Amino acid sequence: MMKPFYIAAYDTESTRCIRGVRSIVKHHLKHNVPATFFLVGELLEDPDWAAEAKDLLSYPLFDVQSHTYTHIPVIPLDLSTPDIAYQNHVADEIKKTNAIIEKVFGTEVIGFRTPGGYENGLGTAAWLIHALWRSGIRYSSSQLTGPGCTNPSPLAKPYWNETDILHPILELPACDWHDNALKGFNRVPIQWPPLLPWGYPTREPTTPQEEFEVYKQGIDYVFSGTEYLYYSPIMHPWSVYRFNHNADTIGLILSYVKELGMECRKFSDIFDDIDSERIVI
């Protein structure tokens, strides 16, 4: 049986994130651990931000993918099908973000992280799946919440979304807490009873060590030999920095997964492996 991976991923969604990215990158370079950064495209319209982002994230360790252009909810929270004008706007955002990331970093964009996320990923939104495919996107990370957009997100395995059978998109879910919700920076409903097999913390963490202990439970559970291919919590650089300017939680996590001998990979690596076999492990 293949040993599970750890995937570090960061939703970089506002100008508040740049300081967090600086601190996060230092830990990844120190530990030689790869990461995926999902970037909001409009941030790269600022030449200074774009130059610093390119300087920070152009290392081979890092994978830069799309997080929309303006952090728009690509599917309405009521899960209704939006009108044609909204669908076209979302499609334009996807294409625009791909173009600017490819221009700044000189790399192809094949991955897409939805803002917020959904219990069932892209679901039956064939219009969105088709728009992603036409723009060059081949995998999404959109299954990011519990029922009713609650936190945390339960563990899940990759799967091919074939709602649009001619344009299948591989769904690579993330799991556990959105770090901004865990720390109380954004108030979101909490799923009860717990969907995670290791339960919930009794209060919000107040130190990097306490926050690390929350995520350590998930790392240990997945690494112990379950059916899950990887463990990947949902992190936001602005929230990481606000909690601790040195991003020490990230350092504790990366040090621990290396101590375990848990392989660390990027989302695009997992896509390549699964796509090459056209299977889900």
Protein backbone atom coordinates (compact mmCIF):
# COMPACT_ATOMS: atom_id res chain seq x y z
CA MET A 1 0.00 0.00 0.00
CA MET A 2 1.30 3.44 -0.92
CA LYS A 3 2.25 5.57 2.06
CA PRO A 4 0.18 8.77 2.35
CA PHE A 5 1.58 12.21 1.55
CA TYR A 6 1.45 15.60 3.20
CA ILE A 7 0.44 18.44 0.88
CA ALA A 8 1.08 22.00 2.06
CA ALA A 9 -1.24 24.44 0.30
CA TYR A 10 -1.94 28.13 0.86
CA ASP A 11 -4.88 30.19 -0.41
CA THR A 12 -3.29 33.54 -1.18
CA GLU A 13 -6.26 35.83 -1.54
CA SER A 14 -5.50 39.42 -0.57
CA THR A 15 -2.74 41.99 -0.15
CA ARG A 16 -2.66 41.00 3.53
CA CYS A 17 -1.12 37.69 2.45
CA ILE A 18 2.28 38.89 1.22
CA ARG A 19 3.85 39.10 4.68
CA GLY A 20 2.56 35.64 5.46
CA VAL A 21 3.95 34.25 2.21
CA ARG A 22 7.39 35.61 3.14
CA SER A 23 7.33 33.84 6.50
CA ILE A 24 5.87 30.61 5.10
CA VAL A 25 8.41 30.40 2.29
CA LYS A 26 11.30 30.65 4.79
CA HIS A 27 10.09 27.51 6.56
CA HIS A 28 9.61 25.59 3.33
CA LEU A 29 13.07 26.48 2.10
CA LYS A 30 14.60 25.60 5.48
CA HIS A 31 12.96 22.15 5.49
CA ASN A 32 13.11 21.64 1.72
CA VAL A 33 9.38 20.89 1.61
CA PRO A 34 7.26 21.65 -1.50
CA ALA A 35 4.02 23.61 -1.41
CA THR A 36 1.15 24.70 -3.65
CA PHE A 37 0.13 28.35 -3.62
CA PHE A 38 -3.30 29.17 -5.02
CA LEU A 39 -3.14 32.84 -6.04
CA VAL A 40 -5.87 35.41 -6.67
CA GLY A 41 -5.01 36.89 -10.04
CA GLU A 42 -5.71 40.56 -9.37
CA LEU A 43 -2.92 40.64 -6.77
CA LEU A 44 -0.44 40.14 -9.59
CA GLU A 45 -1.67 43.27 -11.38
CA ASP A 46 0.37 45.25 -8.85
CA PRO A 47 3.91 45.27 -10.32
CA ASP A 48 5.58 45.37 -6.89
CA TRP A 49 3.46 42.48 -5.55
CA ALA A 50 4.03 40.50 -8.73
CA ALA A 51 7.79 41.03 -8.55
CA GLU A 52 7.96 39.91 -4.93
CA ALA A 53 5.66 36.95 -5.54
CA LYS A 54 7.83 35.86 -8.44
CA ASP A 55 10.96 36.20 -6.30
CA LEU A 56 9.42 34.19 -3.45
CA LEU A 57 7.59 31.47 -5.38
CA SER A 58 9.75 30.73 -8.42
CA TYR A 59 11.72 28.02 -6.61
CA PRO A 60 11.18 24.50 -8.02
CA LEU A 61 9.73 23.57 -4.61
CA PHE A 62 6.66 25.69 -5.27
CA ASP A 63 3.62 25.22 -7.46
CA VAL A 64 1.54 28.31 -8.34
CA GLN A 65 -2.08 27.75 -9.38
CA SER A 66 -5.35 29.69 -9.64
CA HIS A 67 -7.67 30.95 -6.90
CA THR A 68 -9.85 33.05 -9.28
CA TYR A 69 -9.16 36.67 -10.22
CA THR A 70 -11.12 38.49 -7.49
CA HIS A 71 -11.91 35.71 -5.00
CA ILE A 72 -15.40 35.42 -6.43
CA PRO A 73 -17.70 32.59 -5.25
CA VAL A 74 -17.75 30.53 -8.45
CA ILE A 75 -20.89 28.67 -7.38
CA PRO A 76 -23.52 30.60 -5.37
CA LEU A 77 -23.69 29.45 -1.76
CA ASP A 78 -27.28 28.31 -2.32
CA LEU A 79 -25.83 26.01 -5.02
CA SER A 80 -28.25 27.35 -7.63
CA THR A 81 -27.19 27.59 -11.26
CA PRO A 82 -26.28 31.24 -11.95
CA ASP A 83 -27.51 33.05 -15.02
CA ILE A 84 -25.50 33.16 -18.23
CA ALA A 85 -24.00 36.58 -17.44
CA TYR A 86 -22.58 35.30 -14.13
CA GLN A 87 -21.32 32.10 -15.76
CA ASN A 88 -19.51 34.17 -18.40
CA HIS A 89 -18.03 36.42 -15.72
CA VAL A 90 -16.66 33.41 -13.81
CA ALA A 91 -15.23 31.96 -17.02
CA ASP A 92 -13.53 35.27 -17.80
CA GLU A 93 -12.03 35.38 -14.28
CA ILE A 94 -10.61 31.89 -14.73
CA LYS A 95 -9.03 32.70 -18.08
CA LYS A 96 -7.71 36.06 -16.88
CA THR A 97 -6.07 34.53 -13.81
CA ASN A 98 -4.42 31.78 -15.83
CA ALA A 99 -3.02 34.32 -18.26
CA ILE A 100 -1.50 36.59 -15.62
CA ILE A 101 0.01 33.71 -13.59
CA GLU A 102 1.53 32.27 -16.76
CA LYS A 103 2.88 35.70 -17.68
CA VAL A 104 4.45 36.38 -14.27
CA PHE A 105 5.80 32.90 -13.54
CA GLY A 106 6.21 31.46 -17.02
CA THR A 107 4.44 28.27 -15.96
CA GLU A 108 1.26 26.58 -17.13
CA VAL A 109 -1.77 26.76 -14.85
CA ILE A 110 -3.60 23.43 -14.53
CA GLY A 111 -4.98 23.69 -10.98
CA PHE A 112 -7.87 25.64 -9.47
CA ARG A 113 -8.87 26.20 -5.82
CA THR A 114 -12.37 27.59 -5.28
CA PRO A 115 -12.78 30.39 -2.75
CA GLY A 116 -14.46 28.99 0.34
CA GLY A 117 -15.15 25.60 -1.11
CA TYR A 118 -18.15 23.30 -1.11
CA GLU A 119 -19.24 20.08 0.58
CA ASN A 120 -19.47 18.21 -2.73
CA GLY A 121 -16.82 20.05 -4.70
CA LEU A 122 -17.90 21.23 -8.14
CA GLY A 123 -20.94 18.99 -7.86
CA THR A 124 -23.10 18.99 -10.97
CA ALA A 125 -22.01 22.44 -12.21
CA ALA A 126 -21.30 21.24 -15.76
CA TRP A 127 -21.04 24.84 -16.99
CA LEU A 128 -18.19 25.51 -14.54
CA ILE A 129 -16.39 22.24 -15.26
CA HIS A 130 -16.54 23.02 -18.97
CA ALA A 131 -15.24 26.58 -18.37
CA LEU A 132 -12.34 25.23 -16.32
CA TRP A 133 -11.45 22.67 -18.97
CA ARG A 134 -11.53 25.22 -21.79
CA SER A 135 -9.12 27.44 -19.84
CA GLY A 136 -6.61 24.60 -19.39
CA ILE A 137 -7.55 23.60 -15.83
CA ARG A 138 -7.29 19.86 -15.28
CA TYR A 139 -7.75 19.53 -11.52
CA SER A 140 -9.76 21.40 -8.91
CA SER A 141 -9.53 21.57 -5.14
CA SER A 142 -13.06 22.57 -4.27
CA GLN A 143 -14.32 20.01 -1.76
CA LEU A 144 -13.27 22.04 1.25
CA THR A 145 -16.16 22.12 3.74
CA GLY A 146 -18.48 19.97 5.77
CA PRO A 147 -22.27 19.91 5.26
CA GLY A 148 -23.80 23.34 4.72
CA CYS A 149 -20.42 25.07 4.34
CA THR A 150 -19.44 24.14 7.88
CA ASN A 151 -15.96 23.60 9.27
CA PRO A 152 -13.98 21.42 9.43
CA SER A 153 -13.86 19.56 6.12
CA PRO A 154 -13.93 15.77 6.45
CA LEU A 155 -11.26 13.52 4.98
CA ALA A 156 -11.92 12.55 1.38
CA LYS A 157 -10.22 10.78 -1.51
CA PRO A 158 -9.51 12.14 -5.01
CA TYR A 159 -12.09 11.43 -7.69
CA TRP A 160 -12.80 12.27 -11.31
CA ASN A 161 -15.71 14.68 -11.73
CA GLU A 162 -17.33 13.50 -14.94
CA THR A 163 -20.47 15.63 -14.84
CA ASP A 164 -19.21 16.91 -18.19
CA ILE A 165 -18.11 13.51 -19.50
CA LEU A 166 -15.99 14.98 -22.31
CA HIS A 167 -14.08 17.25 -19.94
CA PRO A 168 -13.38 15.34 -16.69
CA ILE A 169 -11.76 17.39 -13.94
CA LEU A 170 -9.86 15.59 -11.17
CA GLU A 171 -11.06 16.69 -7.74
CA LEU A 172 -8.33 16.83 -5.11
CA PRO A 173 -10.12 17.62 -1.83
CA ALA A 174 -8.49 19.27 1.17
CA CYS A 175 -9.44 18.45 4.74
CA ASP A 176 -9.60 19.54 8.37
CA TRP A 177 -9.93 23.15 9.48
CA HIS A 178 -9.64 26.33 7.48
CA ASP A 179 -6.97 27.87 9.68
CA ASN A 180 -8.76 31.24 9.84
CA ALA A 181 -11.86 29.51 11.22
CA LEU A 182 -9.88 27.36 13.67
CA LYS A 183 -8.32 30.49 15.17
CA GLY A 184 -11.59 32.44 15.24
CA PHE A 185 -10.56 35.10 12.71
CA ASN A 186 -13.63 34.27 10.61
CA ARG A 187 -16.79 33.02 12.23
CA VAL A 188 -18.25 30.02 10.44
CA PRO A 189 -20.70 27.33 11.54
CA ILE A 190 -19.08 24.23 13.02
CA GLN A 191 -20.31 20.79 12.03
CA TRP A 192 -21.77 18.74 14.87
CA PRO A 193 -21.44 15.90 15.63
CA PRO A 194 -17.78 15.83 14.58
CA LEU A 195 -17.00 14.30 11.19
CA LEU A 196 -13.29 13.99 11.92
CA PRO A 197 -12.31 10.74 13.65
CA TRP A 198 -10.03 12.57 16.10
CA GLY A 199 -12.59 15.09 17.34
CA TYR A 200 -12.36 18.85 17.87
CA PRO A 201 -10.25 21.11 20.10
CA THR A 202 -12.04 22.44 23.16
CA ARG A 203 -11.08 26.05 22.37
CA GLU A 204 -9.27 28.17 19.82
CA PRO A 205 -5.48 27.78 19.88
CA THR A 206 -3.49 30.65 21.35
CA THR A 207 0.07 29.55 20.50
CA PRO A 208 1.75 27.91 17.49
CA GLN A 209 2.31 24.76 19.57
CA GLU A 210 -1.40 24.53 20.37
CA GLU A 211 -2.33 25.03 16.73
CA PHE A 212 0.22 22.42 15.65
CA GLU A 213 -1.31 19.92 18.10
CA VAL A 214 -4.66 20.29 16.32
CA TYR A 215 -3.18 19.45 12.91
CA LYS A 216 -0.88 16.77 14.35
CA GLN A 217 -3.94 14.63 15.05
CA GLY A 218 -4.84 14.59 11.37
CA ILE A 219 -1.28 13.96 10.24
CA ASP A 220 -0.95 11.02 12.64
CA TYR A 221 -4.32 9.57 11.63
CA VAL A 222 -3.61 9.62 7.90
CA PHE A 223 0.00 8.52 8.27
CA SER A 224 -1.01 5.53 10.41
CA GLY A 225 -2.15 3.64 7.33
CA THR A 226 -5.73 4.62 6.50
CA GLU A 227 -7.41 4.58 3.11
CA TYR A 228 -6.55 8.23 2.43
CA LEU A 229 -3.91 9.23 -0.10
CA TYR A 230 -2.86 12.48 1.58
CA TYR A 231 -3.49 15.00 4.35
CA SER A 232 -3.84 18.66 3.37
CA PRO A 233 -5.40 21.31 5.64
CA ILE A 234 -6.62 24.66 4.29
CA MET A 235 -4.22 27.50 5.15
CA HIS A 236 -4.30 31.24 4.41
CA PRO A 237 -1.08 33.30 4.57
CA TRP A 238 -2.81 36.36 6.04
CA SER A 239 -4.23 34.23 8.86
CA VAL A 240 -0.93 32.42 9.42
CA TYR A 241 0.85 35.78 9.76
CA ARG A 242 -1.82 37.40 11.94
CA PHE A 243 -1.59 34.52 14.41
CA ASN A 244 2.20 34.46 14.53
CA HIS A 245 4.44 36.70 12.40
CA ASN A 246 7.12 34.02 12.11
CA ALA A 247 4.59 31.41 10.91
CA ASP A 248 5.95 29.06 13.56
CA THR A 249 2.99 26.68 13.22
CA ILE A 250 4.14 25.96 9.66
CA GLY A 251 7.66 25.26 10.88
CA LEU A 252 6.36 22.83 13.51
CA ILE A 253 4.21 20.99 10.96
CA LEU A 254 6.98 20.69 8.37
CA SER A 255 9.51 19.56 10.95
CA TYR A 256 7.09 16.92 12.20
CA VAL A 257 6.14 15.43 8.84
CA LYS A 258 9.82 15.15 7.96
CA GLU A 259 10.53 13.52 11.31
CA LEU A 260 7.82 10.97 10.54
CA GLY A 261 9.30 10.30 7.14
CA MET A 262 6.04 11.39 5.50
CA GLU A 263 6.63 12.34 1.87
CA CYS A 264 5.62 15.90 0.98
CA ARG A 265 4.28 16.68 -2.47
CA LYS A 266 2.49 19.34 -4.52
CA PHE A 267 -1.06 19.05 -5.80
CA SER A 268 0.14 19.02 -9.40
CA ASP A 269 2.38 16.03 -8.62
CA ILE A 270 -0.62 14.07 -7.38
CA PHE A 271 -2.59 15.04 -10.48
CA ASP A 272 0.22 13.87 -12.75
CA ASP A 273 0.42 10.52 -10.99
CA ILE A 274 -3.32 9.85 -11.09
CA ASP A 275 -3.83 11.22 -14.60
CA SER A 276 -1.01 9.09 -16.01
CA GLU A 277 -2.87 5.97 -14.88
CA ARG A 278 -6.36 7.48 -15.28
CA ILE A 279 -7.23 5.97 -11.94
CA VAL A 280 -7.94 7.13 -8.42
CA ILE A 281 -5.85 5.44 -5.74
